[in-house]
Amino acid sequence: MPLIVVTSSPRVAPGLLSHQAWQALRSGRVLAASASHPQLPYLAEAGIEVTVAEPDAARLAREAVADTVVWLAEDDEDFMRAVGHAAIALDEPPVIEVVPGSYDLPGARVLDLVAVMDRLRTECPWDRKQTHESLVPYLLEEAYEVLETIEQGDHAALREELGDLLLQVVFHARVAEGFDVDDVAAGIVDKLVRRHPHVFGTVRADSADEVNDNWEAIKAAERAARNEEPSVLDGVPLGQPALSLAAQLLRRAGRGGAPDALAAGIGQGLGHELFDLVRRAQEAGVDPEAELRAAARAYRDRVLAWEARPSSPS
C-alpha cells in the first residue's frame, strides 16, 4: 500500500488544493502532526476526517505497508526524510508518493518578506522607531550598492543587493499610513499595463523608439487628465546627484525642443565649467556620470596599487 504525502505552500490560501490532492485525501486514512494545520478546517468542511498523530516515522512507515495512509505535510522535511529511512529498513517497504497540493507562484517569496517585515515592525525596537525620513540614507546606500555590483559584473552579489533594496521598498510601505505594499504593487501594475498598450492592448509598436513615443504620449495624457501644465522636465528628480541631474535636464530639454542657447552661460565659476562639460558630453552622446565614475574607479585602483607597493628598505 502507498504512503501518500500531500504537500501545500504556506504562501497559497488554505483550501486551494489541486484536484490530485483532493483525490489523494479521499483515498485513505489522513494523518497530520498538528491540530493547528491550516488545511484542517477546509478538509473538515469537505467531509474529510483527519487524525492528529504524534510524528513517528517508523510507525507511519509500518502502517503504510497494510493500508493507504495520507500524511498531511507541514514544513516537516526532516521528519519525511526519517520516514523514508524507516521505510527502506522494512522487508516490504511501502511506496511513498508525494502529491503537491499547491505550488508557489512567481513572486510568492515576497509574501515571506512582507510577513517578516510585519513582525520586525512590531517586535524589534529599532525597526519600530524608523520613519520615511530616517530610512532615506539606507535607501540611497542600497541603490548605490546595486549600481556597484552591476558595474563590476558581479551578478552573484547583485542578487543579494537587490534583496537589500527590495527590503527598503517593503519597509517604507510598512511604515506608511494610508497605503500598504499591496497598494504600492497595484499602483505600479496599473501604470505598467496602462503605459504598455502595445503589450496589453491593441496599439502596435515595432521598435523601442515607438515604445518611447507611446510612453511620452500616455504620460502627457495623464497630466492633462489631472489638469497639470505639461513640461518636458516633469518627473526629473532634483534630489539625484548633480552630474546626473544636469545630464537628465539637458536630455529632457533637448528632447522637448528647447533651444541650445538656453544651456549657454549657466552658473558661475566652477559650476559653469562643470555644466558646460556635461553639455558637451551630451552633445557627444556620452554619459558624463558613467565617464566620471569610470575615471574615479581608475583612480581608486591606482591608490590601492600605491598602498600595496613594497616598502623601501630602511
C-alpha atoms as a PDB file:
ATOM      1  CA  MET A   1       0.000   0.000   0.000  1.00  0.00           C
ATOM      2  CA  PRO A   2       1.215   3.542  -0.550  1.00  0.00           C
ATOM      3  CA  LEU A   3       2.097   6.315   1.820  1.00  0.00           C
ATOM      4  CA  ILE A   4       0.828   9.487   0.146  1.00  0.00           C
ATOM      5  CA  VAL A   5       2.372  12.752   1.302  1.00  0.00           C
ATOM      6  CA  VAL A   6       0.264  15.797   0.442  1.00  0.00           C
ATOM      7  CA  THR A   7       2.276  18.997   0.477  1.00  0.00           C
ATOM      8  CA  SER A   8       0.980  22.567   0.305  1.00  0.00           C
ATOM      9  CA  SER A   9       2.535  26.007   0.095  1.00  0.00           C
ATOM     10  CA  PRO A  10       2.094  28.309   3.118  1.00  0.00           C
ATOM     11  CA  ARG A  11       2.015  31.168   0.589  1.00  0.00           C
ATOM     12  CA  VAL A  12      -1.198  29.901  -1.014  1.00  0.00           C
ATOM     13  CA  ALA A  13      -4.518  30.334   0.788  1.00  0.00           C
ATOM     14  CA  PRO A  14      -5.506  27.147   2.686  1.00  0.00           C
ATOM     15  CA  GLY A  15      -8.174  25.081   0.972  1.00  0.00           C
ATOM     16  CA  LEU A  16      -6.928  25.910  -2.527  1.00  0.00           C
ATOM     17  CA  LEU A  17      -5.645  22.444  -3.349  1.00  0.00           C
ATOM     18  CA  SER A  18      -5.094  20.640  -6.620  1.00  0.00           C
ATOM     19  CA  HIS A  19      -7.628  18.092  -7.909  1.00  0.00           C
ATOM     20  CA  GLN A  20      -4.975  15.395  -7.490  1.00  0.00           C
ATOM     21  CA  ALA A  21      -4.532  16.382  -3.832  1.00  0.00           C
ATOM     22  CA  TRP A  22      -8.274  16.196  -3.112  1.00  0.00           C
ATOM     23  CA  GLN A  23      -8.372  12.730  -4.707  1.00  0.00           C
ATOM     24  CA  ALA A  24      -5.438  11.615  -2.560  1.00  0.00           C
ATOM     25  CA  LEU A  25      -7.051  12.970   0.609  1.00  0.00           C
ATOM     26  CA  ARG A  26     -10.108  10.795  -0.083  1.00  0.00           C
ATOM     27  CA  SER A  27      -8.086   7.657  -0.828  1.00  0.00           C
ATOM     28  CA  GLY A  28      -7.156   6.569   2.691  1.00  0.00           C
ATOM     29  CA  ARG A  29      -6.720   7.448   6.348  1.00  0.00           C
ATOM     30  CA  VAL A  30      -5.480  11.030   6.675  1.00  0.00           C
ATOM     31  CA  LEU A  31      -2.988  11.940   9.398  1.00  0.00           C
ATOM     32  CA  ALA A  32      -1.475  15.256  10.442  1.00  0.00           C
ATOM     33  CA  ALA A  33       1.062  16.193  13.100  1.00  0.00           C
ATOM     34  CA  SER A  34      -0.762  19.262  14.401  1.00  0.00           C
ATOM     35  CA  ALA A  35      -4.340  20.205  15.196  1.00  0.00           C
ATOM     36  CA  SER A  36      -3.470  23.725  14.016  1.00  0.00           C
ATOM     37  CA  HIS A  37      -2.579  22.675  10.474  1.00  0.00           C
ATOM     38  CA  PRO A  38      -4.103  25.428   8.281  1.00  0.00           C
ATOM     39  CA  GLN A  39      -5.763  22.930   5.923  1.00  0.00           C
ATOM     40  CA  LEU A  40      -7.782  21.138   8.627  1.00  0.00           C
ATOM     41  CA  PRO A  41     -10.872  23.429   8.697  1.00  0.00           C
ATOM     42  CA  TYR A  42     -11.217  23.131   4.912  1.00  0.00           C
ATOM     43  CA  LEU A  43     -10.846  19.363   4.947  1.00  0.00           C
ATOM     44  CA  ALA A  44     -13.473  19.148   7.686  1.00  0.00           C
ATOM     45  CA  GLU A  45     -15.798  21.287   5.570  1.00  0.00           C
ATOM     46  CA  ALA A  46     -15.243  18.849   2.697  1.00  0.00           C
ATOM     47  CA  GLY A  47     -16.128  15.904   4.973  1.00  0.00           C
ATOM     48  CA  ILE A  48     -12.581  14.541   5.229  1.00  0.00           C
ATOM     49  CA  GLU A  49     -11.667  13.311   8.695  1.00  0.00           C
ATOM     50  CA  VAL A  50      -8.100  13.959   9.826  1.00  0.00           C
ATOM     51  CA  THR A  51      -6.443  12.195  12.750  1.00  0.00           C
ATOM     52  CA  VAL A  52      -3.840  14.225  14.623  1.00  0.00           C
ATOM     53  CA  ALA A  53      -0.957  11.876  15.459  1.00  0.00           C
ATOM     54  CA  GLU A  54       2.416  12.277  17.112  1.00  0.00           C
ATOM     55  CA  PRO A  55       5.068  12.200  14.353  1.00  0.00           C
ATOM     56  CA  ASP A  56       6.560   8.694  14.489  1.00  0.00           C
ATOM     57  CA  ALA A  57       8.478   7.850  11.329  1.00  0.00           C
ATOM     58  CA  ALA A  58       8.800   4.104  11.968  1.00  0.00           C
ATOM     59  CA  ARG A  59       5.131   3.660  12.862  1.00  0.00           C
ATOM     60  CA  LEU A  60       3.959   5.679   9.874  1.00  0.00           C
ATOM     61  CA  ALA A  61       6.073   3.564   7.528  1.00  0.00           C
ATOM     62  CA  ARG A  62       4.753   0.310   9.060  1.00  0.00           C
ATOM     63  CA  GLU A  63       1.103   1.410   8.853  1.00  0.00           C
ATOM     64  CA  ALA A  64       1.507   2.264   5.174  1.00  0.00           C
ATOM     65  CA  VAL A  65       2.511  -1.352   4.440  1.00  0.00           C
ATOM     66  CA  ALA A  66      -1.011  -2.616   5.155  1.00  0.00           C
ATOM     67  CA  ASP A  67      -3.214   0.404   4.381  1.00  0.00           C
ATOM     68  CA  THR A  68      -3.190   3.540   2.284  1.00  0.00           C
ATOM     69  CA  VAL A  69      -2.079   6.325   4.583  1.00  0.00           C
ATOM     70  CA  VAL A  70      -2.178  10.000   3.670  1.00  0.00           C
ATOM     71  CA  TRP A  71       0.186  12.306   5.555  1.00  0.00           C
ATOM     72  CA  LEU A  72      -0.710  15.990   5.521  1.00  0.00           C
ATOM     73  CA  ALA A  73       2.727  17.574   5.463  1.00  0.00           C
ATOM     74  CA  GLU A  74       3.583  20.916   7.032  1.00  0.00           C
ATOM     75  CA  ASP A  75       7.206  22.115   6.808  1.00  0.00           C
ATOM     76  CA  ASP A  76       8.448  18.758   8.127  1.00  0.00           C
ATOM     77  CA  GLU A  77      11.224  17.867   5.687  1.00  0.00           C
ATOM     78  CA  ASP A  78      13.410  16.250   8.366  1.00  0.00           C
ATOM     79  CA  PHE A  79      10.522  14.055   9.511  1.00  0.00           C
ATOM     80  CA  MET A  80       9.750  12.910   5.961  1.00  0.00           C
ATOM     81  CA  ARG A  81      13.406  12.072   5.453  1.00  0.00           C
ATOM     82  CA  ALA A  82      13.215   9.916   8.586  1.00  0.00           C
ATOM     83  CA  VAL A  83      10.072   8.223   7.205  1.00  0.00           C
ATOM     84  CA  GLY A  84      11.970   7.388   4.033  1.00  0.00           C
ATOM     85  CA  HIS A  85      14.807   5.790   6.006  1.00  0.00           C
ATOM     86  CA  ALA A  86      12.307   3.864   8.140  1.00  0.00           C
ATOM     87  CA  ALA A  87      10.506   2.575   5.032  1.00  0.00           C
ATOM     88  CA  ILE A  88      13.725   1.367   3.404  1.00  0.00           C
ATOM     89  CA  ALA A  89      14.564  -0.578   6.578  1.00  0.00           C
ATOM     90  CA  LEU A  90      11.367  -2.674   6.242  1.00  0.00           C
ATOM     91  CA  ASP A  91      11.351  -6.045   4.499  1.00  0.00           C
ATOM     92  CA  GLU A  92       8.494  -4.872   2.260  1.00  0.00           C
ATOM     93  CA  PRO A  93       8.709  -1.082   2.187  1.00  0.00           C
ATOM     94  CA  PRO A  94       5.611   0.879   1.153  1.00  0.00           C
ATOM     95  CA  VAL A  95       5.547   3.035  -1.946  1.00  0.00           C
ATOM     96  CA  ILE A  96       5.915   6.684  -0.955  1.00  0.00           C
ATOM     97  CA  GLU A  97       4.177   9.133  -3.262  1.00  0.00           C
ATOM     98  CA  VAL A  98       4.383  12.921  -2.945  1.00  0.00           C
ATOM     99  CA  VAL A  99       1.342  14.827  -4.199  1.00  0.00           C
ATOM    100  CA  PRO A 100       1.744  18.618  -4.391  1.00  0.00           C
ATOM    101  CA  GLY A 101      -1.469  20.228  -3.187  1.00  0.00           C
ATOM    102  CA  SER A 102      -0.412  23.761  -4.114  1.00  0.00           C
ATOM    103  CA  TYR A 103       2.587  25.415  -5.699  1.00  0.00           C
ATOM    104  CA  ASP A 104       4.334  28.698  -5.136  1.00  0.00           C
ATOM    105  CA  LEU A 105       3.663  31.161  -7.931  1.00  0.00           C
ATOM    106  CA  PRO A 106       6.431  33.509  -9.146  1.00  0.00           C
ATOM    107  CA  GLY A 107       6.879  36.216  -6.543  1.00  0.00           C
ATOM    108  CA  ALA A 108       5.429  34.119  -3.736  1.00  0.00           C
ATOM    109  CA  ARG A 109       8.501  34.578  -1.534  1.00  0.00           C
ATOM    110  CA  VAL A 110       7.776  38.305  -1.441  1.00  0.00           C
ATOM    111  CA  LEU A 111       4.913  37.313   0.870  1.00  0.00           C
ATOM    112  CA  ASP A 112       7.513  35.930   3.278  1.00  0.00           C
ATOM    113  CA  LEU A 113       9.342  39.259   3.189  1.00  0.00           C
ATOM    114  CA  VAL A 114       6.119  41.126   3.950  1.00  0.00           C
ATOM    115  CA  ALA A 115       5.421  38.785   6.882  1.00  0.00           C
ATOM    116  CA  VAL A 116       8.961  39.173   8.259  1.00  0.00           C
ATOM    117  CA  MET A 117       8.734  42.960   7.921  1.00  0.00           C
ATOM    118  CA  ASP A 118       5.412  42.981   9.770  1.00  0.00           C
ATOM    119  CA  ARG A 119       6.980  41.086  12.639  1.00  0.00           C
ATOM    120  CA  LEU A 120      10.097  43.271  12.751  1.00  0.00           C
ATOM    121  CA  ARG A 121       7.991  46.409  12.758  1.00  0.00           C
ATOM    122  CA  THR A 122       6.029  45.024  15.725  1.00  0.00           C
ATOM    123  CA  GLU A 123       8.733  43.323  17.791  1.00  0.00           C
ATOM    124  CA  CYS A 124      12.087  44.997  17.004  1.00  0.00           C
ATOM    125  CA  PRO A 125      12.706  48.321  18.814  1.00  0.00           C
ATOM    126  CA  TRP A 126      14.970  49.636  16.036  1.00  0.00           C
ATOM    127  CA  ASP A 127      12.627  48.751  13.179  1.00  0.00           C
ATOM    128  CA  ARG A 128       9.653  50.048  15.129  1.00  0.00           C
ATOM    129  CA  LYS A 129      11.045  53.570  15.528  1.00  0.00           C
ATOM    130  CA  GLN A 130      12.056  54.127  11.886  1.00  0.00           C
ATOM    131  CA  THR A 131      10.373  56.748   9.701  1.00  0.00           C
ATOM    132  CA  HIS A 132      10.452  57.511   5.977  1.00  0.00           C
ATOM    133  CA  GLU A 133      12.983  60.245   6.733  1.00  0.00           C
ATOM    134  CA  SER A 134      15.279  58.082   8.878  1.00  0.00           C
ATOM    135  CA  LEU A 135      15.316  55.364   6.204  1.00  0.00           C
ATOM    136  CA  VAL A 136      16.414  57.674   3.365  1.00  0.00           C
ATOM    137  CA  PRO A 137      20.188  57.081   3.852  1.00  0.00           C
ATOM    138  CA  TYR A 138      19.679  53.317   3.696  1.00  0.00           C
ATOM    139  CA  LEU A 139      17.569  53.577   0.538  1.00  0.00           C
ATOM    140  CA  LEU A 140      20.286  55.592  -1.208  1.00  0.00           C
ATOM    141  CA  GLU A 141      23.069  53.350   0.088  1.00  0.00           C
ATOM    142  CA  GLU A 142      21.370  50.167  -1.114  1.00  0.00           C
ATOM    143  CA  ALA A 143      20.629  51.692  -4.531  1.00  0.00           C
ATOM    144  CA  TYR A 144      24.289  52.635  -4.961  1.00  0.00           C
ATOM    145  CA  GLU A 145      25.411  49.167  -3.881  1.00  0.00           C
ATOM    146  CA  VAL A 146      23.165  47.682  -6.572  1.00  0.00           C
ATOM    147  CA  LEU A 147      24.785  50.040  -9.091  1.00  0.00           C
ATOM    148  CA  GLU A 148      28.257  48.987  -7.959  1.00  0.00           C
ATOM    149  CA  THR A 149      27.599  45.270  -8.410  1.00  0.00           C
ATOM    150  CA  ILE A 150      26.215  45.919 -11.912  1.00  0.00           C
ATOM    151  CA  GLU A 151      29.282  47.952 -12.863  1.00  0.00           C
ATOM    152  CA  GLN A 152      31.537  45.193 -11.526  1.00  0.00           C
ATOM    153  CA  GLY A 153      29.576  42.488 -13.344  1.00  0.00           C
ATOM    154  CA  ASP A 154      29.184  40.647 -10.031  1.00  0.00           C
ATOM    155  CA  HIS A 155      25.806  39.008 -10.653  1.00  0.00           C
ATOM    156  CA  ALA A 156      26.074  36.773  -7.593  1.00  0.00           C
ATOM    157  CA  ALA A 157      26.368  39.865  -5.387  1.00  0.00           C
ATOM    158  CA  LEU A 158      23.644  41.586  -7.419  1.00  0.00           C
ATOM    159  CA  ARG A 159      21.096  39.086  -6.150  1.00  0.00           C
ATOM    160  CA  GLU A 160      21.859  39.957  -2.533  1.00  0.00           C
ATOM    161  CA  GLU A 161      21.963  43.709  -3.142  1.00  0.00           C
ATOM    162  CA  LEU A 162      18.631  43.653  -4.963  1.00  0.00           C
ATOM    163  CA  GLY A 163      17.201  41.900  -1.904  1.00  0.00           C
ATOM    164  CA  ASP A 164      18.519  44.689   0.329  1.00  0.00           C
ATOM    165  CA  LEU A 165      16.948  47.260  -1.988  1.00  0.00           C
ATOM    166  CA  LEU A 166      13.640  45.368  -2.056  1.00  0.00           C
ATOM    167  CA  LEU A 167      13.657  45.412   1.735  1.00  0.00           C
ATOM    168  CA  GLN A 168      13.735  49.208   1.640  1.00  0.00           C
ATOM    169  CA  VAL A 169      10.632  49.286  -0.578  1.00  0.00           C
ATOM    170  CA  VAL A 170       8.745  46.901   1.715  1.00  0.00           C
ATOM    171  CA  PHE A 171       9.981  48.790   4.786  1.00  0.00           C
ATOM    172  CA  HIS A 172       8.680  52.142   3.501  1.00  0.00           C
ATOM    173  CA  ALA A 173       5.358  50.537   2.553  1.00  0.00           C
ATOM    174  CA  ARG A 174       5.064  49.127   6.088  1.00  0.00           C
ATOM    175  CA  VAL A 175       5.898  52.464   7.709  1.00  0.00           C
ATOM    176  CA  ALA A 176       3.369  54.309   5.545  1.00  0.00           C
ATOM    177  CA  GLU A 177      -0.023  55.422   6.758  1.00  0.00           C
ATOM    178  CA  GLY A 178      -2.841  55.322   4.239  1.00  0.00           C
ATOM    179  CA  PHE A 179      -1.380  52.668   1.964  1.00  0.00           C
ATOM    180  CA  ASP A 180       0.448  49.353   2.168  1.00  0.00           C
ATOM    181  CA  VAL A 181       2.654  47.159   0.000  1.00  0.00           C
ATOM    182  CA  ASP A 182      -0.362  45.846  -1.931  1.00  0.00           C
ATOM    183  CA  ASP A 183      -1.314  49.408  -2.854  1.00  0.00           C
ATOM    184  CA  VAL A 184       2.265  50.042  -3.980  1.00  0.00           C
ATOM    185  CA  ALA A 185       2.260  46.913  -6.151  1.00  0.00           C
ATOM    186  CA  ALA A 186      -1.217  47.639  -7.520  1.00  0.00           C
ATOM    187  CA  GLY A 187      -0.173  51.149  -8.486  1.00  0.00           C
ATOM    188  CA  ILE A 188       2.863  50.074 -10.482  1.00  0.00           C
ATOM    189  CA  VAL A 189       0.949  47.201 -12.118  1.00  0.00           C
ATOM    190  CA  ASP A 190      -1.772  49.605 -13.257  1.00  0.00           C
ATOM    191  CA  LYS A 191       0.834  52.057 -14.554  1.00  0.00           C
ATOM    192  CA  LEU A 192       2.782  49.393 -16.472  1.00  0.00           C
ATOM    193  CA  VAL A 193      -0.356  47.997 -18.088  1.00  0.00           C
ATOM    194  CA  ARG A 194      -1.608  51.486 -18.951  1.00  0.00           C
ATOM    195  CA  ARG A 195       1.711  52.559 -20.470  1.00  0.00           C
ATOM    196  CA  HIS A 196       2.264  49.374 -22.480  1.00  0.00           C
ATOM    197  CA  PRO A 197      -0.780  49.269 -24.771  1.00  0.00           C
ATOM    198  CA  HIS A 198       1.361  47.507 -27.367  1.00  0.00           C
ATOM    199  CA  VAL A 199       1.581  44.564 -24.945  1.00  0.00           C
ATOM    200  CA  PHE A 200      -1.722  44.680 -23.074  1.00  0.00           C
ATOM    201  CA  GLY A 201      -3.860  46.450 -25.662  1.00  0.00           C
ATOM    202  CA  THR A 202      -4.244  46.822 -29.404  1.00  0.00           C
ATOM    203  CA  VAL A 203      -1.621  49.513 -30.104  1.00  0.00           C
ATOM    204  CA  ARG A 204       1.214  48.452 -32.408  1.00  0.00           C
ATOM    205  CA  ALA A 205       4.855  49.306 -31.626  1.00  0.00           C
ATOM    206  CA  ASP A 206       7.617  47.588 -33.567  1.00  0.00           C
ATOM    207  CA  SER A 207      10.643  49.448 -32.211  1.00  0.00           C
ATOM    208  CA  ALA A 208      11.986  50.829 -28.930  1.00  0.00           C
ATOM    209  CA  ASP A 209      11.590  54.370 -30.311  1.00  0.00           C
ATOM    210  CA  GLU A 210       7.894  53.774 -30.955  1.00  0.00           C
ATOM    211  CA  VAL A 211       7.508  52.442 -27.434  1.00  0.00           C
ATOM    212  CA  ASN A 212       9.160  55.594 -26.055  1.00  0.00           C
ATOM    213  CA  ASP A 213       6.906  57.817 -28.164  1.00  0.00           C
ATOM    214  CA  ASN A 214       3.822  55.981 -26.893  1.00  0.00           C
ATOM    215  CA  TRP A 215       5.092  56.245 -23.320  1.00  0.00           C
ATOM    216  CA  GLU A 216       5.545  60.019 -23.555  1.00  0.00           C
ATOM    217  CA  ALA A 217       2.142  60.480 -25.226  1.00  0.00           C
ATOM    218  CA  ILE A 218       0.433  58.468 -22.496  1.00  0.00           C
ATOM    219  CA  LYS A 219       2.223  60.435 -19.750  1.00  0.00           C
ATOM    220  CA  ALA A 220       1.126  63.695 -21.391  1.00  0.00           C
ATOM    221  CA  ALA A 221      -2.473  62.455 -21.496  1.00  0.00           C
ATOM    222  CA  GLU A 222      -2.269  61.507 -17.810  1.00  0.00           C
ATOM    223  CA  ARG A 223      -1.046  65.013 -16.901  1.00  0.00           C
ATOM    224  CA  ALA A 224      -3.796  66.586 -18.963  1.00  0.00           C
ATOM    225  CA  ALA A 225      -6.391  64.456 -17.164  1.00  0.00           C
ATOM    226  CA  ARG A 226      -5.048  65.844 -13.865  1.00  0.00           C
ATOM    227  CA  ASN A 227      -5.214  69.403 -15.264  1.00  0.00           C
ATOM    228  CA  GLU A 228      -1.449  69.763 -14.876  1.00  0.00           C
ATOM    229  CA  GLU A 229       0.558  72.127 -17.039  1.00  0.00           C
ATOM    230  CA  PRO A 230       2.801  69.891 -19.146  1.00  0.00           C
ATOM    231  CA  SER A 231       6.575  70.277 -19.022  1.00  0.00           C
ATOM    232  CA  VAL A 232       9.381  68.323 -20.650  1.00  0.00           C
ATOM    233  CA  LEU A 233      11.030  68.303 -17.214  1.00  0.00           C
ATOM    234  CA  ASP A 234       8.174  66.518 -15.446  1.00  0.00           C
ATOM    235  CA  GLY A 235       9.440  63.609 -13.378  1.00  0.00           C
ATOM    236  CA  VAL A 236      13.086  64.714 -13.203  1.00  0.00           C
ATOM    237  CA  PRO A 237      14.091  64.086  -9.547  1.00  0.00           C
ATOM    238  CA  LEU A 238      16.034  67.099  -8.274  1.00  0.00           C
ATOM    239  CA  GLY A 239      17.434  65.063  -5.394  1.00  0.00           C
ATOM    240  CA  GLN A 240      19.704  62.968  -7.626  1.00  0.00           C
ATOM    241  CA  PRO A 241      23.471  63.624  -7.839  1.00  0.00           C
ATOM    242  CA  ALA A 242      24.228  66.921  -9.573  1.00  0.00           C
ATOM    243  CA  LEU A 243      26.096  65.400 -12.519  1.00  0.00           C
ATOM    244  CA  SER A 244      23.277  63.042 -13.490  1.00  0.00           C
ATOM    245  CA  LEU A 245      20.727  65.784 -12.730  1.00  0.00           C
ATOM    246  CA  ALA A 246      22.359  68.170 -15.192  1.00  0.00           C
ATOM    247  CA  ALA A 247      22.586  65.443 -17.832  1.00  0.00           C
ATOM    248  CA  GLN A 248      18.932  64.453 -17.435  1.00  0.00           C
ATOM    249  CA  LEU A 249      17.740  68.065 -17.566  1.00  0.00           C
ATOM    250  CA  LEU A 250      19.706  68.679 -20.761  1.00  0.00           C
ATOM    251  CA  ARG A 251      18.463  65.431 -22.282  1.00  0.00           C
ATOM    252  CA  ARG A 252      14.828  66.120 -21.457  1.00  0.00           C
ATOM    253  CA  ALA A 253      15.016  69.740 -22.618  1.00  0.00           C
ATOM    254  CA  GLY A 254      16.649  68.738 -25.891  1.00  0.00           C
ATOM    255  CA  ARG A 255      14.011  66.086 -26.473  1.00  0.00           C
ATOM    256  CA  GLY A 256      11.341  68.713 -25.901  1.00  0.00           C
ATOM    257  CA  GLY A 257      12.852  71.089 -28.483  1.00  0.00           C
ATOM    258  CA  ALA A 258      14.415  73.631 -26.099  1.00  0.00           C
ATOM    259  CA  PRO A 259      16.961  75.831 -27.953  1.00  0.00           C
ATOM    260  CA  ASP A 260      20.643  75.135 -27.315  1.00  0.00           C
ATOM    261  CA  ALA A 261      21.140  78.752 -26.287  1.00  0.00           C
ATOM    262  CA  LEU A 262      19.326  78.064 -23.006  1.00  0.00           C
ATOM    263  CA  ALA A 263      22.276  75.939 -21.881  1.00  0.00           C
ATOM    264  CA  ALA A 264      24.850  78.649 -22.552  1.00  0.00           C
ATOM    265  CA  GLY A 265      26.337  80.677 -19.716  1.00  0.00           C
ATOM    266  CA  ILE A 266      24.721  78.630 -16.931  1.00  0.00           C
ATOM    267  CA  GLY A 267      26.194  79.161 -13.474  1.00  0.00           C
ATOM    268  CA  GLN A 268      29.390  80.831 -12.422  1.00  0.00           C
ATOM    269  CA  GLY A 269      32.968  79.762 -11.946  1.00  0.00           C
ATOM    270  CA  LEU A 270      33.450  76.033 -11.464  1.00  0.00           C
ATOM    271  CA  GLY A 271      29.691  75.365 -11.666  1.00  0.00           C
ATOM    272  CA  HIS A 272      29.636  76.958 -15.121  1.00  0.00           C
ATOM    273  CA  GLU A 273      32.592  74.816 -16.259  1.00  0.00           C
ATOM    274  CA  LEU A 274      31.073  71.614 -14.903  1.00  0.00           C
ATOM    275  CA  PHE A 275      27.686  72.269 -16.512  1.00  0.00           C
ATOM    276  CA  ASP A 276      29.386  73.042 -19.822  1.00  0.00           C
ATOM    277  CA  LEU A 277      31.294  69.748 -19.620  1.00  0.00           C
ATOM    278  CA  VAL A 278      28.005  67.908 -19.104  1.00  0.00           C
ATOM    279  CA  ARG A 279      26.513  69.751 -22.086  1.00  0.00           C
ATOM    280  CA  ARG A 280      29.484  68.788 -24.275  1.00  0.00           C
ATOM    281  CA  ALA A 281      29.230  65.167 -23.145  1.00  0.00           C
ATOM    282  CA  GLN A 282      25.533  65.225 -24.011  1.00  0.00           C
ATOM    283  CA  GLU A 283      26.270  66.518 -27.497  1.00  0.00           C
ATOM    284  CA  ALA A 284      28.854  63.760 -27.974  1.00  0.00           C
ATOM    285  CA  GLY A 285      26.394  61.087 -26.863  1.00  0.00           C
ATOM    286  CA  VAL A 286      28.449  60.279 -23.762  1.00  0.00           C
ATOM    287  CA  ASP A 287      27.039  59.615 -20.278  1.00  0.00           C
ATOM    288  CA  PRO A 288      29.021  62.010 -18.053  1.00  0.00           C
ATOM    289  CA  GLU A 289      28.048  60.153 -14.866  1.00  0.00           C
ATOM    290  CA  ALA A 290      29.385  56.868 -16.235  1.00  0.00           C
ATOM    291  CA  GLU A 291      32.542  58.534 -17.558  1.00  0.00           C
ATOM    292  CA  LEU A 292      33.348  60.203 -14.256  1.00  0.00           C
ATOM    293  CA  ARG A 293      32.604  57.017 -12.314  1.00  0.00           C
ATOM    294  CA  ALA A 294      34.973  55.090 -14.591  1.00  0.00           C
ATOM    295  CA  ALA A 295      37.694  57.698 -14.011  1.00  0.00           C
ATOM    296  CA  ALA A 296      37.066  57.568 -10.255  1.00  0.00           C
ATOM    297  CA  ARG A 297      37.371  53.767 -10.246  1.00  0.00           C
ATOM    298  CA  ALA A 298      40.631  54.004 -12.197  1.00  0.00           C
ATOM    299  CA  TYR A 299      41.949  56.455  -9.602  1.00  0.00           C
ATOM    300  CA  ARG A 300      40.861  54.123  -6.812  1.00  0.00           C
ATOM    301  CA  ASP A 301      42.788  51.271  -8.436  1.00  0.00           C
ATOM    302  CA  ARG A 302      45.908  53.443  -8.634  1.00  0.00           C
ATOM    303  CA  VAL A 303      45.618  54.387  -4.953  1.00  0.00           C
ATOM    304  CA  LEU A 304      45.176  50.722  -3.956  1.00  0.00           C
ATOM    305  CA  ALA A 305      48.216  49.766  -6.057  1.00  0.00           C
ATOM    306  CA  TRP A 306      50.201  52.577  -4.422  1.00  0.00           C
ATOM    307  CA  GLU A 307      49.209  51.348  -0.962  1.00  0.00           C
ATOM    308  CA  ALA A 308      50.233  47.791  -1.873  1.00  0.00           C
ATOM    309  CA  ARG A 309      53.697  48.787  -3.152  1.00  0.00           C
ATOM    310  CA  PRO A 310      56.703  47.156  -1.444  1.00  0.00           C
ATOM    311  CA  SER A 311      58.125  49.174   1.406  1.00  0.00           C
ATOM    312  CA  SER A 312      61.517  50.779   0.764  1.00  0.00           C
ATOM    313  CA  PRO A 313      64.368  49.231   2.778  1.00  0.00           C
ATOM    314  CA  SER A 314      65.446  51.457   5.655  1.00  0.00           C
END
